[in-house]
Amino acid sequence: MQSKGVLWRLPLLVIGLFITGRLETVDAGMFKVHEWPVVTQTYIVPQEICNLDILIGVGYYISLSNQDAIVVGPDYSTSSPWSNYAGYIQFDAVTNFPSFLSVSIDIEIEGPGIGQWTASVSPEFISVGSTSVKIFVEGKDVDILGFEQEGRICIGKVTLSVVPW
């Protein structure tokens, strides 16, 4: 009779061990202890929970808030807006180093009417932090009737470059 009682309790013991084993499993960064170590009545021993890495971004960093296309249109500030075109883009540049900005322009199409194009950036020197920047594009002696395509077309690219100063 005694052995029957032990066998009947064995499944409960197995289930209890399973549940206890499941409760003892903890994820990284979690802590579980059944008895807290105490040195004296006034000092409870601190227990380590985890170690965290300290990361630092080493290097030069610059981020631009806007990299949309520069749309140009007739430059009404000139005496001949039908042959002078201008446009600009404005963005915030965030950097961790004092920077010198420069631009270059590459006109990718050829043909009559393309004219002469220039690009500039303002300001050229920016400090650490966030700075509002504009890139200007101007085209002179442009004859849009000489273009083979109609509508909004890409005529070239402006490249923004940066160096520390």
N, C-alpha and C. Protein backbone atom coordinates (compact mmCIF):
# COMPACT_ATOMS: atom_id res chain seq x y z
N MET A 1 0.82 -1.19 0.00
CA MET A 1 0.00 0.00 0.00
C MET A 1 0.86 1.25 0.00
N GLN A 2 1.94 1.15 0.72
CA GLN A 2 2.86 2.28 0.79
C GLN A 2 3.41 2.58 -0.60
N SER A 3 3.77 1.56 -1.39
CA SER A 3 4.36 1.78 -2.71
C SER A 3 3.35 2.40 -3.66
N LYS A 4 2.07 2.07 -3.54
CA LYS A 4 1.06 2.67 -4.40
C LYS A 4 0.97 4.17 -4.19
N GLY A 5 1.06 4.62 -2.95
CA GLY A 5 1.00 6.05 -2.65
C GLY A 5 2.19 6.80 -3.26
N VAL A 6 3.35 6.20 -3.25
CA VAL A 6 4.55 6.83 -3.82
C VAL A 6 4.40 6.91 -5.33
N LEU A 7 3.92 5.84 -5.96
CA LEU A 7 3.75 5.84 -7.41
C LEU A 7 2.70 6.85 -7.84
N TRP A 8 1.67 7.02 -7.05
CA TRP A 8 0.63 7.99 -7.38
C TRP A 8 1.17 9.42 -7.31
N ARG A 9 2.10 9.67 -6.40
CA ARG A 9 2.67 11.01 -6.24
C ARG A 9 3.78 11.29 -7.25
N LEU A 10 4.33 10.27 -7.87
CA LEU A 10 5.43 10.45 -8.83
C LEU A 10 5.05 11.35 -10.00
N PRO A 11 3.88 11.18 -10.65
CA PRO A 11 3.52 12.11 -11.73
C PRO A 11 3.42 13.56 -11.24
N LEU A 12 2.92 13.77 -10.04
CA LEU A 12 2.86 15.13 -9.50
C LEU A 12 4.25 15.69 -9.29
N LEU A 13 5.19 14.86 -8.87
CA LEU A 13 6.56 15.30 -8.67
C LEU A 13 7.20 15.68 -10.01
N VAL A 14 6.96 14.87 -11.05
CA VAL A 14 7.49 15.16 -12.38
C VAL A 14 6.90 16.46 -12.91
N ILE A 15 5.59 16.65 -12.76
CA ILE A 15 4.95 17.90 -13.20
C ILE A 15 5.51 19.08 -12.40
N GLY A 16 5.70 18.91 -11.11
CA GLY A 16 6.26 19.96 -10.27
C GLY A 16 7.67 20.33 -10.70
N LEU A 17 8.50 19.31 -11.00
CA LEU A 17 9.87 19.60 -11.48
C LEU A 17 9.84 20.31 -12.82
N PHE A 18 8.94 19.93 -13.71
CA PHE A 18 8.81 20.57 -15.01
C PHE A 18 8.44 22.04 -14.85
N ILE A 19 7.44 22.31 -14.02
CA ILE A 19 7.00 23.69 -13.79
C ILE A 19 8.11 24.49 -13.13
N THR A 20 8.80 23.91 -12.13
CA THR A 20 9.90 24.61 -11.48
C THR A 20 11.00 24.90 -12.48
N GLY A 21 11.33 23.94 -13.32
CA GLY A 21 12.35 24.14 -14.35
C GLY A 21 11.96 25.25 -15.30
N ARG A 22 10.70 25.34 -15.67
CA ARG A 22 10.21 26.39 -16.57
C ARG A 22 10.29 27.75 -15.89
N LEU A 23 10.00 27.81 -14.62
CA LEU A 23 10.02 29.08 -13.91
C LEU A 23 11.45 29.58 -13.69
N GLU A 24 12.42 28.67 -13.62
CA GLU A 24 13.80 29.05 -13.40
C GLU A 24 14.43 29.64 -14.65
N THR A 25 13.88 29.37 -15.83
CA THR A 25 14.43 29.89 -17.07
C THR A 25 14.11 31.38 -17.17
N VAL A 26 15.17 32.20 -17.34
CA VAL A 26 14.97 33.64 -17.49
C VAL A 26 15.72 34.12 -18.71
N ASP A 27 15.25 35.21 -19.29
CA ASP A 27 15.91 35.80 -20.45
C ASP A 27 17.11 36.63 -20.01
N ALA A 28 18.00 36.90 -20.98
CA ALA A 28 19.15 37.75 -20.70
C ALA A 28 18.66 39.11 -20.23
N GLY A 29 19.30 39.65 -19.22
CA GLY A 29 18.89 40.94 -18.68
C GLY A 29 17.83 40.82 -17.60
N MET A 30 17.36 39.59 -17.35
CA MET A 30 16.41 39.36 -16.27
C MET A 30 17.15 38.65 -15.14
N PHE A 31 16.66 38.79 -13.94
CA PHE A 31 17.35 38.25 -12.78
C PHE A 31 16.35 37.56 -11.87
N LYS A 32 16.76 36.37 -11.38
CA LYS A 32 15.89 35.67 -10.45
C LYS A 32 16.78 34.97 -9.43
N VAL A 33 16.48 35.15 -8.16
CA VAL A 33 17.23 34.49 -7.09
C VAL A 33 16.22 34.08 -6.01
N HIS A 34 16.48 32.94 -5.39
CA HIS A 34 15.56 32.45 -4.36
C HIS A 34 15.92 33.01 -2.98
N GLU A 35 17.22 33.19 -2.72
CA GLU A 35 17.65 33.76 -1.45
C GLU A 35 18.68 34.84 -1.74
N TRP A 36 18.42 36.03 -1.27
CA TRP A 36 19.33 37.15 -1.52
C TRP A 36 20.48 37.08 -0.52
N PRO A 37 21.73 37.14 -1.04
CA PRO A 37 22.88 37.10 -0.12
C PRO A 37 22.92 38.34 0.77
N VAL A 38 23.08 38.12 2.07
CA VAL A 38 23.16 39.20 3.04
C VAL A 38 24.43 39.02 3.84
N VAL A 39 25.26 40.06 3.92
CA VAL A 39 26.49 40.00 4.70
C VAL A 39 26.19 40.35 6.15
N THR A 40 25.51 41.45 6.34
CA THR A 40 25.09 41.85 7.68
C THR A 40 23.63 42.28 7.60
N GLN A 41 23.06 42.67 8.70
CA GLN A 41 21.66 43.12 8.69
C GLN A 41 21.50 44.44 7.93
N THR A 42 22.57 45.22 7.81
CA THR A 42 22.47 46.52 7.14
C THR A 42 23.04 46.51 5.73
N TYR A 43 23.67 45.43 5.30
CA TYR A 43 24.27 45.40 3.94
C TYR A 43 23.75 44.20 3.16
N ILE A 44 23.03 44.48 2.10
CA ILE A 44 22.57 43.44 1.18
C ILE A 44 23.50 43.45 -0.02
N VAL A 45 23.98 42.31 -0.44
CA VAL A 45 24.96 42.21 -1.51
C VAL A 45 24.29 42.49 -2.86
N PRO A 46 24.81 43.48 -3.62
CA PRO A 46 24.27 43.74 -4.96
C PRO A 46 24.55 42.55 -5.89
N GLN A 47 23.62 42.26 -6.76
CA GLN A 47 23.78 41.16 -7.71
C GLN A 47 23.83 41.73 -9.12
N GLU A 48 24.79 41.27 -9.91
CA GLU A 48 24.90 41.75 -11.29
C GLU A 48 23.76 41.21 -12.13
N ILE A 49 23.17 42.07 -12.94
CA ILE A 49 22.09 41.66 -13.83
C ILE A 49 22.61 41.43 -15.24
N CYS A 50 23.40 42.38 -15.73
CA CYS A 50 23.95 42.23 -17.08
C CYS A 50 25.11 43.21 -17.25
N ASN A 51 25.86 43.05 -18.33
CA ASN A 51 26.90 43.99 -18.73
C ASN A 51 26.48 44.59 -20.06
N LEU A 52 26.59 45.91 -20.18
CA LEU A 52 26.18 46.60 -21.40
C LEU A 52 27.41 47.16 -22.10
N ASP A 53 27.48 46.98 -23.41
CA ASP A 53 28.57 47.55 -24.19
C ASP A 53 28.39 49.05 -24.31
N ILE A 54 29.50 49.76 -24.39
CA ILE A 54 29.49 51.20 -24.63
C ILE A 54 30.04 51.41 -26.03
N LEU A 55 29.22 52.00 -26.92
CA LEU A 55 29.61 52.19 -28.31
C LEU A 55 29.79 53.67 -28.60
N ILE A 56 30.79 53.98 -29.41
CA ILE A 56 31.00 55.36 -29.83
C ILE A 56 31.17 55.36 -31.35
N GLY A 57 30.54 56.32 -32.00
CA GLY A 57 30.67 56.44 -33.45
C GLY A 57 31.95 57.20 -33.77
N VAL A 58 32.99 56.49 -34.16
CA VAL A 58 34.26 57.11 -34.47
C VAL A 58 34.29 57.40 -35.96
N GLY A 59 34.59 58.62 -36.31
CA GLY A 59 34.69 58.98 -37.71
C GLY A 59 33.92 60.25 -38.00
N TYR A 60 33.99 60.67 -39.23
CA TYR A 60 33.31 61.87 -39.69
C TYR A 60 31.89 61.51 -40.09
N TYR A 61 30.93 62.36 -39.69
CA TYR A 61 29.52 62.08 -39.94
C TYR A 61 28.87 63.33 -40.51
N ILE A 62 28.13 63.16 -41.59
CA ILE A 62 27.31 64.25 -42.13
C ILE A 62 26.02 63.64 -42.66
N SER A 63 24.91 64.33 -42.41
CA SER A 63 23.61 63.86 -42.85
C SER A 63 22.86 65.03 -43.48
N LEU A 64 22.22 64.77 -44.61
CA LEU A 64 21.44 65.80 -45.31
C LEU A 64 19.97 65.47 -45.20
N SER A 65 19.15 66.46 -44.85
CA SER A 65 17.72 66.22 -44.63
C SER A 65 16.93 66.13 -45.93
N ASN A 66 17.49 66.58 -47.05
CA ASN A 66 16.74 66.61 -48.31
C ASN A 66 17.70 66.37 -49.46
N GLN A 67 17.40 65.40 -50.29
CA GLN A 67 18.23 65.13 -51.46
C GLN A 67 17.36 65.05 -52.71
N ASP A 68 16.32 65.87 -52.73
CA ASP A 68 15.43 65.91 -53.89
C ASP A 68 16.13 66.57 -55.07
N ALA A 69 15.54 66.43 -56.25
CA ALA A 69 16.07 67.06 -57.45
C ALA A 69 15.94 68.58 -57.36
N ILE A 70 16.83 69.27 -58.04
CA ILE A 70 16.76 70.73 -58.12
C ILE A 70 15.95 71.06 -59.36
N VAL A 71 14.83 71.72 -59.17
CA VAL A 71 13.95 72.09 -60.28
C VAL A 71 14.27 73.53 -60.67
N VAL A 72 14.57 73.74 -61.95
CA VAL A 72 14.87 75.10 -62.43
C VAL A 72 13.71 75.60 -63.28
N GLY A 73 13.59 76.89 -63.33
CA GLY A 73 12.57 77.54 -64.14
C GLY A 73 13.09 78.88 -64.63
N PRO A 74 12.29 79.60 -65.40
CA PRO A 74 12.72 80.90 -65.91
C PRO A 74 13.16 81.81 -64.76
N ASP A 75 14.28 82.50 -64.96
CA ASP A 75 14.82 83.41 -63.95
C ASP A 75 14.27 84.81 -64.21
N TYR A 76 13.19 85.16 -63.52
CA TYR A 76 12.52 86.44 -63.73
C TYR A 76 13.29 87.62 -63.13
N SER A 77 14.39 87.33 -62.43
CA SER A 77 15.19 88.43 -61.90
C SER A 77 16.16 88.98 -62.96
N THR A 78 16.21 88.35 -64.13
CA THR A 78 17.08 88.81 -65.22
C THR A 78 16.25 89.52 -66.29
N SER A 79 16.94 90.15 -67.20
CA SER A 79 16.24 90.87 -68.28
C SER A 79 15.72 89.91 -69.36
N SER A 80 16.22 88.65 -69.38
CA SER A 80 15.74 87.70 -70.38
C SER A 80 15.44 86.35 -69.72
N PRO A 81 14.30 86.27 -69.03
CA PRO A 81 13.95 85.04 -68.32
C PRO A 81 13.70 83.86 -69.26
N TRP A 82 13.42 84.09 -70.55
CA TRP A 82 13.17 83.00 -71.49
C TRP A 82 14.46 82.25 -71.85
N SER A 83 15.64 82.84 -71.56
CA SER A 83 16.90 82.14 -71.86
C SER A 83 17.78 81.97 -70.62
N ASN A 84 17.32 82.45 -69.47
CA ASN A 84 18.05 82.29 -68.20
C ASN A 84 17.17 81.50 -67.23
N TYR A 85 17.73 80.44 -66.70
CA TYR A 85 16.99 79.56 -65.79
C TYR A 85 17.71 79.48 -64.46
N ALA A 86 16.96 79.29 -63.38
CA ALA A 86 17.55 79.21 -62.04
C ALA A 86 16.66 78.36 -61.13
N GLY A 87 17.29 77.80 -60.13
CA GLY A 87 16.57 77.02 -59.12
C GLY A 87 17.51 76.70 -57.97
N TYR A 88 16.93 76.24 -56.88
CA TYR A 88 17.77 75.87 -55.73
C TYR A 88 17.05 74.80 -54.91
N ILE A 89 17.83 74.19 -54.05
CA ILE A 89 17.30 73.25 -53.06
C ILE A 89 17.85 73.67 -51.71
N GLN A 90 17.04 73.54 -50.68
CA GLN A 90 17.46 73.89 -49.32
C GLN A 90 17.33 72.66 -48.44
N PHE A 91 18.31 72.47 -47.56
CA PHE A 91 18.28 71.32 -46.65
C PHE A 91 19.09 71.65 -45.41
N ASP A 92 18.93 70.83 -44.38
CA ASP A 92 19.74 70.93 -43.17
C ASP A 92 20.86 69.91 -43.26
N ALA A 93 22.08 70.36 -43.01
CA ALA A 93 23.23 69.47 -42.94
C ALA A 93 23.61 69.34 -41.47
N VAL A 94 23.64 68.10 -40.98
CA VAL A 94 24.03 67.83 -39.59
C VAL A 94 25.36 67.11 -39.64
N THR A 95 26.35 67.66 -38.94
CA THR A 95 27.69 67.09 -38.99
C THR A 95 28.37 67.12 -37.63
N ASN A 96 29.34 66.23 -37.45
CA ASN A 96 30.10 66.21 -36.20
C ASN A 96 31.50 66.80 -36.39
N PHE A 97 31.73 67.49 -37.50
CA PHE A 97 33.03 68.12 -37.74
C PHE A 97 32.83 69.41 -38.53
N PRO A 98 33.69 70.42 -38.31
CA PRO A 98 33.61 71.63 -39.12
C PRO A 98 33.90 71.26 -40.58
N SER A 99 33.09 71.76 -41.50
CA SER A 99 33.14 71.26 -42.88
C SER A 99 33.23 72.39 -43.90
N PHE A 100 33.88 72.07 -45.01
CA PHE A 100 33.88 72.94 -46.19
C PHE A 100 33.11 72.22 -47.27
N LEU A 101 32.06 72.85 -47.79
CA LEU A 101 31.22 72.26 -48.83
C LEU A 101 31.58 72.87 -50.18
N SER A 102 31.54 72.05 -51.22
CA SER A 102 31.73 72.55 -52.59
C SER A 102 30.79 71.76 -53.51
N VAL A 103 30.49 72.33 -54.65
CA VAL A 103 29.63 71.66 -55.63
C VAL A 103 30.30 71.67 -56.99
N SER A 104 29.94 70.69 -57.78
CA SER A 104 30.33 70.66 -59.19
C SER A 104 29.08 70.28 -59.97
N ILE A 105 29.07 70.64 -61.24
CA ILE A 105 27.91 70.37 -62.08
C ILE A 105 28.37 69.61 -63.31
N ASP A 106 27.58 68.61 -63.69
CA ASP A 106 27.88 67.81 -64.87
C ASP A 106 26.62 67.78 -65.74
N ILE A 107 26.66 68.47 -66.86
CA ILE A 107 25.53 68.48 -67.78
C ILE A 107 25.66 67.24 -68.67
N GLU A 108 24.66 66.39 -68.63
CA GLU A 108 24.74 65.07 -69.27
C GLU A 108 24.16 65.02 -70.68
N ILE A 109 23.46 66.05 -71.09
CA ILE A 109 22.91 66.03 -72.45
C ILE A 109 23.63 67.07 -73.29
N GLU A 110 23.64 66.84 -74.57
CA GLU A 110 24.29 67.77 -75.50
C GLU A 110 23.26 68.24 -76.52
N GLY A 111 23.64 69.23 -77.24
CA GLY A 111 22.76 69.69 -78.31
C GLY A 111 22.57 71.18 -78.27
N PRO A 112 21.92 71.67 -79.30
CA PRO A 112 21.69 73.11 -79.35
C PRO A 112 20.75 73.54 -78.24
N GLY A 113 21.03 74.66 -77.69
CA GLY A 113 20.13 75.22 -76.69
C GLY A 113 20.45 74.88 -75.26
N ILE A 114 21.46 74.01 -75.00
CA ILE A 114 21.72 73.62 -73.62
C ILE A 114 22.26 74.78 -72.79
N GLY A 115 23.02 75.68 -73.40
CA GLY A 115 23.53 76.86 -72.69
C GLY A 115 24.70 76.53 -71.78
N GLN A 116 25.00 77.46 -70.86
CA GLN A 116 26.08 77.28 -69.89
C GLN A 116 25.47 77.24 -68.49
N TRP A 117 25.85 76.23 -67.72
CA TRP A 117 25.26 76.00 -66.40
C TRP A 117 26.32 76.12 -65.32
N THR A 118 25.93 76.71 -64.19
CA THR A 118 26.81 76.82 -63.02
C THR A 118 26.03 76.41 -61.78
N ALA A 119 26.78 76.01 -60.75
CA ALA A 119 26.18 75.65 -59.46
C ALA A 119 27.02 76.27 -58.35
N SER A 120 26.36 76.61 -57.25
CA SER A 120 27.06 77.16 -56.09
C SER A 120 26.35 76.68 -54.82
N VAL A 121 27.06 76.75 -53.70
CA VAL A 121 26.51 76.33 -52.41
C VAL A 121 26.70 77.46 -51.41
N SER A 122 25.73 77.62 -50.53
CA SER A 122 25.82 78.65 -49.50
C SER A 122 25.20 78.12 -48.21
N PRO A 123 25.91 78.20 -47.11
CA PRO A 123 27.28 78.64 -46.94
C PRO A 123 28.26 77.53 -47.35
N GLU A 124 29.49 77.93 -47.62
CA GLU A 124 30.51 76.95 -47.95
C GLU A 124 31.11 76.32 -46.70
N PHE A 125 31.23 77.11 -45.63
CA PHE A 125 31.77 76.62 -44.37
C PHE A 125 30.64 76.40 -43.38
N ILE A 126 30.58 75.20 -42.82
CA ILE A 126 29.55 74.92 -41.80
C ILE A 126 30.23 74.39 -40.55
N SER A 127 29.62 74.68 -39.40
CA SER A 127 30.18 74.22 -38.13
C SER A 127 29.52 72.93 -37.68
N VAL A 128 30.01 72.43 -36.57
CA VAL A 128 29.45 71.22 -35.96
C VAL A 128 28.01 71.51 -35.57
N GLY A 129 27.15 70.54 -35.81
CA GLY A 129 25.72 70.71 -35.51
C GLY A 129 24.90 70.77 -36.77
N SER A 130 23.80 71.48 -36.72
CA SER A 130 22.87 71.58 -37.85
C SER A 130 22.98 72.96 -38.49
N THR A 131 23.10 72.98 -39.82
CA THR A 131 23.19 74.23 -40.58
C THR A 131 22.27 74.15 -41.77
N SER A 132 21.55 75.24 -42.04
CA SER A 132 20.71 75.31 -43.24
C SER A 132 21.60 75.64 -44.44
N VAL A 133 21.49 74.83 -45.49
CA VAL A 133 22.35 74.96 -46.68
C VAL A 133 21.47 75.07 -47.91
N LYS A 134 21.92 75.88 -48.89
CA LYS A 134 21.23 75.98 -50.18
C LYS A 134 22.22 75.69 -51.30
N ILE A 135 21.75 74.95 -52.30
CA ILE A 135 22.52 74.74 -53.53
C ILE A 135 21.75 75.43 -54.65
N PHE A 136 22.43 76.34 -55.34
CA PHE A 136 21.84 77.12 -56.43
C PHE A 136 22.35 76.60 -57.77
N VAL A 137 21.46 76.58 -58.77
CA VAL A 137 21.84 76.22 -60.14
C VAL A 137 21.33 77.31 -61.07
N GLU A 138 22.19 77.74 -62.01
CA GLU A 138 21.81 78.76 -62.98
C GLU A 138 22.23 78.32 -64.38
N GLY A 139 21.35 78.56 -65.32
CA GLY A 139 21.64 78.30 -66.73
C GLY A 139 21.47 79.57 -67.54
N LYS A 140 22.46 79.88 -68.37
CA LYS A 140 22.40 81.09 -69.21
C LYS A 140 22.43 80.67 -70.68
N ASP A 141 21.80 81.46 -71.51
CA ASP A 141 21.71 81.21 -72.96
C ASP A 141 21.06 79.85 -73.25
N VAL A 142 20.04 79.52 -72.51
CA VAL A 142 19.32 78.25 -72.70
C VAL A 142 18.20 78.49 -73.71
N ASP A 143 18.10 77.60 -74.68
CA ASP A 143 17.02 77.67 -75.67
C ASP A 143 16.24 76.36 -75.59
N ILE A 144 15.12 76.38 -74.85
CA ILE A 144 14.37 75.13 -74.65
C ILE A 144 13.78 74.59 -75.94
N LEU A 145 13.67 75.40 -76.98
CA LEU A 145 13.18 74.90 -78.27
C LEU A 145 14.19 73.96 -78.92
N GLY A 146 15.45 74.01 -78.46
CA GLY A 146 16.48 73.12 -79.00
C GLY A 146 16.50 71.74 -78.36
N PHE A 147 15.70 71.51 -77.33
CA PHE A 147 15.66 70.20 -76.67
C PHE A 147 14.79 69.24 -77.48
N GLU A 148 15.21 67.97 -77.51
CA GLU A 148 14.46 66.96 -78.27
C GLU A 148 13.25 66.45 -77.50
N GLN A 149 13.31 66.45 -76.17
CA GLN A 149 12.21 65.92 -75.35
C GLN A 149 11.36 67.06 -74.82
N GLU A 150 10.17 66.69 -74.39
CA GLU A 150 9.28 67.66 -73.76
C GLU A 150 9.03 67.27 -72.32
N GLY A 151 8.50 68.19 -71.55
CA GLY A 151 8.19 67.90 -70.15
C GLY A 151 9.40 68.12 -69.26
N ARG A 152 9.33 67.61 -68.06
CA ARG A 152 10.42 67.76 -67.09
C ARG A 152 11.46 66.68 -67.37
N ILE A 153 12.66 67.08 -67.77
CA ILE A 153 13.72 66.12 -68.08
C ILE A 153 14.95 66.42 -67.22
N CYS A 154 15.75 65.41 -66.99
CA CYS A 154 17.00 65.56 -66.24
C CYS A 154 18.10 65.94 -67.22
N ILE A 155 18.70 67.10 -67.01
CA ILE A 155 19.76 67.54 -67.92
C ILE A 155 21.15 67.29 -67.35
N GLY A 156 21.25 66.97 -66.07
CA GLY A 156 22.56 66.72 -65.47
C GLY A 156 22.47 66.50 -63.98
N LYS A 157 23.63 66.53 -63.34
CA LYS A 157 23.72 66.27 -61.90
C LYS A 157 24.59 67.33 -61.24
N VAL A 158 24.24 67.67 -60.02
CA VAL A 158 25.09 68.50 -59.17
C VAL A 158 25.64 67.57 -58.09
N THR A 159 26.94 67.62 -57.89
CA THR A 159 27.58 66.80 -56.87
C THR A 159 28.03 67.70 -55.73
N LEU A 160 27.58 67.36 -54.53
CA LEU A 160 27.98 68.09 -53.32
C LEU A 160 29.12 67.30 -52.68
N SER A 161 30.22 67.99 -52.38
CA SER A 161 31.38 67.35 -51.74
C SER A 161 31.68 68.06 -50.42
N VAL A 162 32.34 67.34 -49.53
CA VAL A 162 32.66 67.89 -48.21
C VAL A 162 34.08 67.47 -47.82
N VAL A 163 34.78 68.38 -47.16
CA VAL A 163 36.09 68.07 -46.55
C VAL A 163 36.13 68.74 -45.18
N PRO A 164 36.83 68.15 -44.23
CA PRO A 164 36.97 68.81 -42.93
C PRO A 164 37.87 70.04 -43.05
N TRP A 165 37.62 71.06 -42.22
CA TRP A 165 38.49 72.23 -42.19
C TRP A 165 38.80 72.63 -40.77
